[in-house]
Amino acid sequence: MNRREVLERAADCVLLDRNSQYGPPENTFVEIAGLWSFYLGQEVKTHDVAIMMALLKIGRLKSNPIHGDSWVDIAGYAACGAELSELLEVKNET
């Protein structure tokens, strides 16, 4: 799988597949951040969820670096994290 294929598959996942299955990532990541915050006893922000999910995939790749879906998922989490951090920045400016 080349770079373009990874990014195209990630785009399909975050813009079509996952969106239709789970709703917009900003809603899902807010829910996950709330659950993790409660469990950990400290605030977890939505962009932290994207970072930690990417780290999960990186940990899996350490064991199996040829697993293409993990590379795709990392690209998807990066895209979601970038968007969520931008939304956070806009929210902090208001």
N, C-alpha and C. Protein backbone atom coordinates (compact mmCIF):
# COMPACT_ATOMS: atom_id res chain seq x y z
N MET A 1 0.86 -1.17 0.00
CA MET A 1 0.00 0.00 0.00
C MET A 1 0.91 1.23 0.00
N ASN A 2 0.65 2.15 -0.93
CA ASN A 2 1.46 3.37 -0.99
C ASN A 2 0.80 4.50 -0.20
N ARG A 3 1.48 5.65 -0.13
CA ARG A 3 0.98 6.79 0.67
C ARG A 3 -0.42 7.21 0.26
N ARG A 4 -0.62 7.32 -1.03
CA ARG A 4 -1.93 7.75 -1.51
C ARG A 4 -3.02 6.78 -1.07
N GLU A 5 -2.74 5.50 -1.19
CA GLU A 5 -3.73 4.49 -0.80
C GLU A 5 -4.03 4.55 0.70
N VAL A 6 -2.99 4.75 1.51
CA VAL A 6 -3.20 4.88 2.96
C VAL A 6 -4.11 6.07 3.25
N LEU A 7 -3.78 7.21 2.65
CA LEU A 7 -4.57 8.43 2.91
C LEU A 7 -5.99 8.32 2.36
N GLU A 8 -6.14 7.71 1.19
CA GLU A 8 -7.49 7.53 0.63
C GLU A 8 -8.33 6.60 1.49
N ARG A 9 -7.72 5.51 1.97
CA ARG A 9 -8.45 4.59 2.85
C ARG A 9 -8.80 5.26 4.16
N ALA A 10 -7.86 6.06 4.69
CA ALA A 10 -8.14 6.78 5.94
C ALA A 10 -9.29 7.77 5.72
N ALA A 11 -9.28 8.47 4.60
CA ALA A 11 -10.35 9.42 4.29
C ALA A 11 -11.69 8.70 4.21
N ASP A 12 -11.72 7.56 3.55
CA ASP A 12 -12.96 6.79 3.48
C ASP A 12 -13.44 6.40 4.87
N CYS A 13 -12.50 6.00 5.73
CA CYS A 13 -12.88 5.60 7.09
C CYS A 13 -13.47 6.75 7.89
N VAL A 14 -12.75 7.87 7.93
CA VAL A 14 -13.19 8.96 8.81
C VAL A 14 -14.29 9.82 8.21
N LEU A 15 -14.40 9.83 6.89
CA LEU A 15 -15.43 10.66 6.28
C LEU A 15 -16.70 9.89 5.91
N LEU A 16 -16.58 8.60 5.71
CA LEU A 16 -17.74 7.82 5.27
C LEU A 16 -18.08 6.69 6.24
N ASP A 17 -17.23 5.68 6.29
CA ASP A 17 -17.53 4.46 7.04
C ASP A 17 -17.80 4.72 8.51
N ARG A 18 -16.82 5.25 9.22
CA ARG A 18 -16.96 5.45 10.66
C ARG A 18 -18.02 6.51 10.97
N ASN A 19 -18.08 7.53 10.13
CA ASN A 19 -19.08 8.58 10.33
C ASN A 19 -20.49 7.99 10.29
N SER A 20 -20.73 7.10 9.33
CA SER A 20 -22.08 6.53 9.21
C SER A 20 -22.34 5.52 10.32
N GLN A 21 -21.31 4.85 10.83
CA GLN A 21 -21.48 3.86 11.89
C GLN A 21 -21.57 4.48 13.28
N TYR A 22 -20.74 5.51 13.53
CA TYR A 22 -20.62 6.04 14.89
C TYR A 22 -20.98 7.51 15.03
N GLY A 23 -21.24 8.18 13.94
CA GLY A 23 -21.51 9.61 13.99
C GLY A 23 -20.23 10.40 13.84
N PRO A 24 -20.33 11.72 13.87
CA PRO A 24 -19.15 12.56 13.68
C PRO A 24 -18.10 12.30 14.77
N PRO A 25 -16.81 12.31 14.41
CA PRO A 25 -15.77 12.02 15.40
C PRO A 25 -15.78 12.99 16.57
N GLU A 26 -16.14 14.25 16.33
CA GLU A 26 -16.14 15.18 17.45
C GLU A 26 -17.12 14.75 18.54
N ASN A 27 -18.24 14.14 18.15
CA ASN A 27 -19.20 13.65 19.15
C ASN A 27 -18.66 12.41 19.86
N THR A 28 -18.14 11.48 19.10
CA THR A 28 -17.61 10.24 19.67
C THR A 28 -16.41 10.53 20.57
N PHE A 29 -15.52 11.40 20.13
CA PHE A 29 -14.33 11.69 20.91
C PHE A 29 -14.67 12.44 22.19
N VAL A 30 -15.72 13.25 22.18
CA VAL A 30 -16.19 13.92 23.40
C VAL A 30 -16.66 12.85 24.39
N GLU A 31 -17.40 11.89 23.90
CA GLU A 31 -17.91 10.80 24.75
C GLU A 31 -16.75 9.98 25.34
N ILE A 32 -15.80 9.61 24.49
CA ILE A 32 -14.64 8.84 24.95
C ILE A 32 -13.82 9.65 25.95
N ALA A 33 -13.59 10.92 25.67
CA ALA A 33 -12.82 11.78 26.58
C ALA A 33 -13.50 11.84 27.95
N GLY A 34 -14.82 11.93 27.96
CA GLY A 34 -15.54 11.96 29.23
C GLY A 34 -15.39 10.67 30.02
N LEU A 35 -15.48 9.55 29.33
CA LEU A 35 -15.31 8.25 29.99
C LEU A 35 -13.90 8.07 30.53
N TRP A 36 -12.91 8.41 29.71
CA TRP A 36 -11.52 8.28 30.15
C TRP A 36 -11.22 9.24 31.29
N SER A 37 -11.77 10.45 31.23
CA SER A 37 -11.57 11.43 32.30
C SER A 37 -12.10 10.88 33.62
N PHE A 38 -13.29 10.34 33.57
CA PHE A 38 -13.89 9.75 34.78
C PHE A 38 -13.04 8.61 35.30
N TYR A 39 -12.65 7.72 34.43
CA TYR A 39 -11.88 6.55 34.84
C TYR A 39 -10.51 6.93 35.40
N LEU A 40 -9.83 7.86 34.76
CA LEU A 40 -8.48 8.24 35.17
C LEU A 40 -8.47 9.27 36.31
N GLY A 41 -9.60 9.95 36.51
CA GLY A 41 -9.66 10.97 37.55
C GLY A 41 -8.92 12.24 37.17
N GLN A 42 -8.75 12.46 35.88
CA GLN A 42 -8.15 13.70 35.38
C GLN A 42 -8.70 13.99 33.99
N GLU A 43 -8.64 15.25 33.62
CA GLU A 43 -9.25 15.66 32.35
C GLU A 43 -8.49 15.09 31.15
N VAL A 44 -9.26 14.50 30.25
CA VAL A 44 -8.76 14.06 28.95
C VAL A 44 -9.53 14.85 27.90
N LYS A 45 -8.83 15.48 27.01
CA LYS A 45 -9.46 16.29 25.96
C LYS A 45 -9.64 15.45 24.69
N THR A 46 -10.47 15.95 23.81
CA THR A 46 -10.78 15.19 22.60
C THR A 46 -9.54 14.92 21.75
N HIS A 47 -8.65 15.89 21.66
CA HIS A 47 -7.44 15.64 20.86
C HIS A 47 -6.53 14.63 21.55
N ASP A 48 -6.61 14.54 22.89
CA ASP A 48 -5.86 13.50 23.61
C ASP A 48 -6.35 12.11 23.20
N VAL A 49 -7.65 11.99 22.98
CA VAL A 49 -8.21 10.70 22.55
C VAL A 49 -7.58 10.30 21.20
N ALA A 50 -7.50 11.24 20.27
CA ALA A 50 -6.90 10.95 18.97
C ALA A 50 -5.44 10.54 19.13
N ILE A 51 -4.71 11.24 19.98
CA ILE A 51 -3.29 10.92 20.21
C ILE A 51 -3.15 9.54 20.83
N MET A 52 -3.94 9.26 21.84
CA MET A 52 -3.81 7.98 22.52
C MET A 52 -4.26 6.81 21.65
N MET A 53 -5.26 7.03 20.82
CA MET A 53 -5.67 5.97 19.89
C MET A 53 -4.57 5.72 18.87
N ALA A 54 -3.92 6.78 18.40
CA ALA A 54 -2.79 6.62 17.47
C ALA A 54 -1.66 5.86 18.16
N LEU A 55 -1.41 6.17 19.44
CA LEU A 55 -0.37 5.46 20.19
C LEU A 55 -0.70 3.97 20.35
N LEU A 56 -1.98 3.67 20.52
CA LEU A 56 -2.40 2.27 20.56
C LEU A 56 -2.01 1.56 19.27
N LYS A 57 -2.31 2.21 18.15
CA LYS A 57 -1.98 1.63 16.84
C LYS A 57 -0.47 1.51 16.66
N ILE A 58 0.28 2.50 17.15
CA ILE A 58 1.74 2.45 17.07
C ILE A 58 2.26 1.26 17.88
N GLY A 59 1.69 1.05 19.05
CA GLY A 59 2.07 -0.10 19.86
C GLY A 59 1.81 -1.42 19.14
N ARG A 60 0.70 -1.49 18.44
CA ARG A 60 0.39 -2.70 17.67
C ARG A 60 1.35 -2.87 16.51
N LEU A 61 1.71 -1.75 15.89
CA LEU A 61 2.65 -1.83 14.76
C LEU A 61 4.03 -2.29 15.19
N LYS A 62 4.38 -2.03 16.43
CA LYS A 62 5.67 -2.49 16.93
C LYS A 62 5.76 -4.01 16.82
N SER A 63 4.64 -4.69 17.05
CA SER A 63 4.59 -6.14 16.95
C SER A 63 4.41 -6.62 15.51
N ASN A 64 3.71 -5.82 14.72
CA ASN A 64 3.40 -6.25 13.36
C ASN A 64 3.41 -5.04 12.42
N PRO A 65 4.59 -4.60 11.97
CA PRO A 65 4.69 -3.37 11.17
C PRO A 65 4.12 -3.47 9.76
N ILE A 66 3.71 -4.64 9.35
CA ILE A 66 3.14 -4.77 8.00
C ILE A 66 1.61 -4.79 8.01
N HIS A 67 1.02 -4.58 9.17
CA HIS A 67 -0.45 -4.58 9.25
C HIS A 67 -0.98 -3.24 8.72
N GLY A 68 -1.45 -3.25 7.50
CA GLY A 68 -1.85 -2.03 6.80
C GLY A 68 -2.94 -1.24 7.49
N ASP A 69 -3.91 -1.93 8.10
CA ASP A 69 -5.03 -1.22 8.72
C ASP A 69 -4.56 -0.31 9.85
N SER A 70 -3.52 -0.70 10.56
CA SER A 70 -3.02 0.16 11.65
C SER A 70 -2.45 1.46 11.09
N TRP A 71 -1.73 1.38 9.97
CA TRP A 71 -1.22 2.60 9.34
C TRP A 71 -2.36 3.49 8.89
N VAL A 72 -3.39 2.89 8.34
CA VAL A 72 -4.57 3.65 7.90
C VAL A 72 -5.24 4.31 9.09
N ASP A 73 -5.40 3.55 10.17
CA ASP A 73 -6.05 4.09 11.37
C ASP A 73 -5.27 5.27 11.95
N ILE A 74 -3.95 5.17 11.97
CA ILE A 74 -3.13 6.28 12.48
C ILE A 74 -3.38 7.54 11.66
N ALA A 75 -3.42 7.39 10.34
CA ALA A 75 -3.69 8.55 9.48
C ALA A 75 -5.07 9.12 9.79
N GLY A 76 -6.04 8.27 10.01
CA GLY A 76 -7.39 8.73 10.35
C GLY A 76 -7.43 9.45 11.69
N TYR A 77 -6.74 8.88 12.69
CA TYR A 77 -6.70 9.54 14.00
C TYR A 77 -5.98 10.88 13.92
N ALA A 78 -4.94 10.95 13.10
CA ALA A 78 -4.22 12.22 12.92
C ALA A 78 -5.15 13.28 12.32
N ALA A 79 -5.93 12.89 11.34
CA ALA A 79 -6.86 13.83 10.71
C ALA A 79 -7.91 14.30 11.72
N CYS A 80 -8.46 13.37 12.47
CA CYS A 80 -9.47 13.74 13.47
C CYS A 80 -8.86 14.61 14.55
N GLY A 81 -7.66 14.26 15.00
CA GLY A 81 -6.99 15.05 16.04
C GLY A 81 -6.70 16.47 15.59
N ALA A 82 -6.26 16.61 14.35
CA ALA A 82 -5.98 17.95 13.82
C ALA A 82 -7.25 18.79 13.79
N GLU A 83 -8.34 18.19 13.35
CA GLU A 83 -9.61 18.92 13.29
C GLU A 83 -10.10 19.26 14.70
N LEU A 84 -10.01 18.31 15.61
CA LEU A 84 -10.47 18.55 16.98
C LEU A 84 -9.63 19.61 17.68
N SER A 85 -8.32 19.62 17.45
CA SER A 85 -7.47 20.63 18.08
C SER A 85 -7.77 22.00 17.51
N GLU A 86 -8.11 22.06 16.24
CA GLU A 86 -8.49 23.34 15.64
C GLU A 86 -9.81 23.83 16.23
N LEU A 87 -10.76 22.92 16.42
CA LEU A 87 -12.02 23.31 17.06
C LEU A 87 -11.78 23.79 18.48
N LEU A 88 -10.85 23.15 19.19
CA LEU A 88 -10.51 23.56 20.55
C LEU A 88 -9.90 24.96 20.55
N GLU A 89 -9.04 25.23 19.57
CA GLU A 89 -8.41 26.54 19.47
C GLU A 89 -9.45 27.62 19.21
N VAL A 90 -10.40 27.35 18.32
CA VAL A 90 -11.47 28.32 18.03
C VAL A 90 -12.32 28.52 19.27
N LYS A 91 -12.62 27.44 19.98
CA LYS A 91 -13.43 27.53 21.21
C LYS A 91 -12.73 28.37 22.26
N ASN A 92 -11.41 28.22 22.39
CA ASN A 92 -10.64 28.98 23.38
C ASN A 92 -10.54 30.45 23.02
N GLU A 93 -10.69 30.79 21.75
CA GLU A 93 -10.61 32.19 21.32
C GLU A 93 -11.90 32.95 21.61
N THR A 94 -13.01 32.22 21.80
CA THR A 94 -14.29 32.89 22.02
C THR A 94 -14.54 33.14 23.48
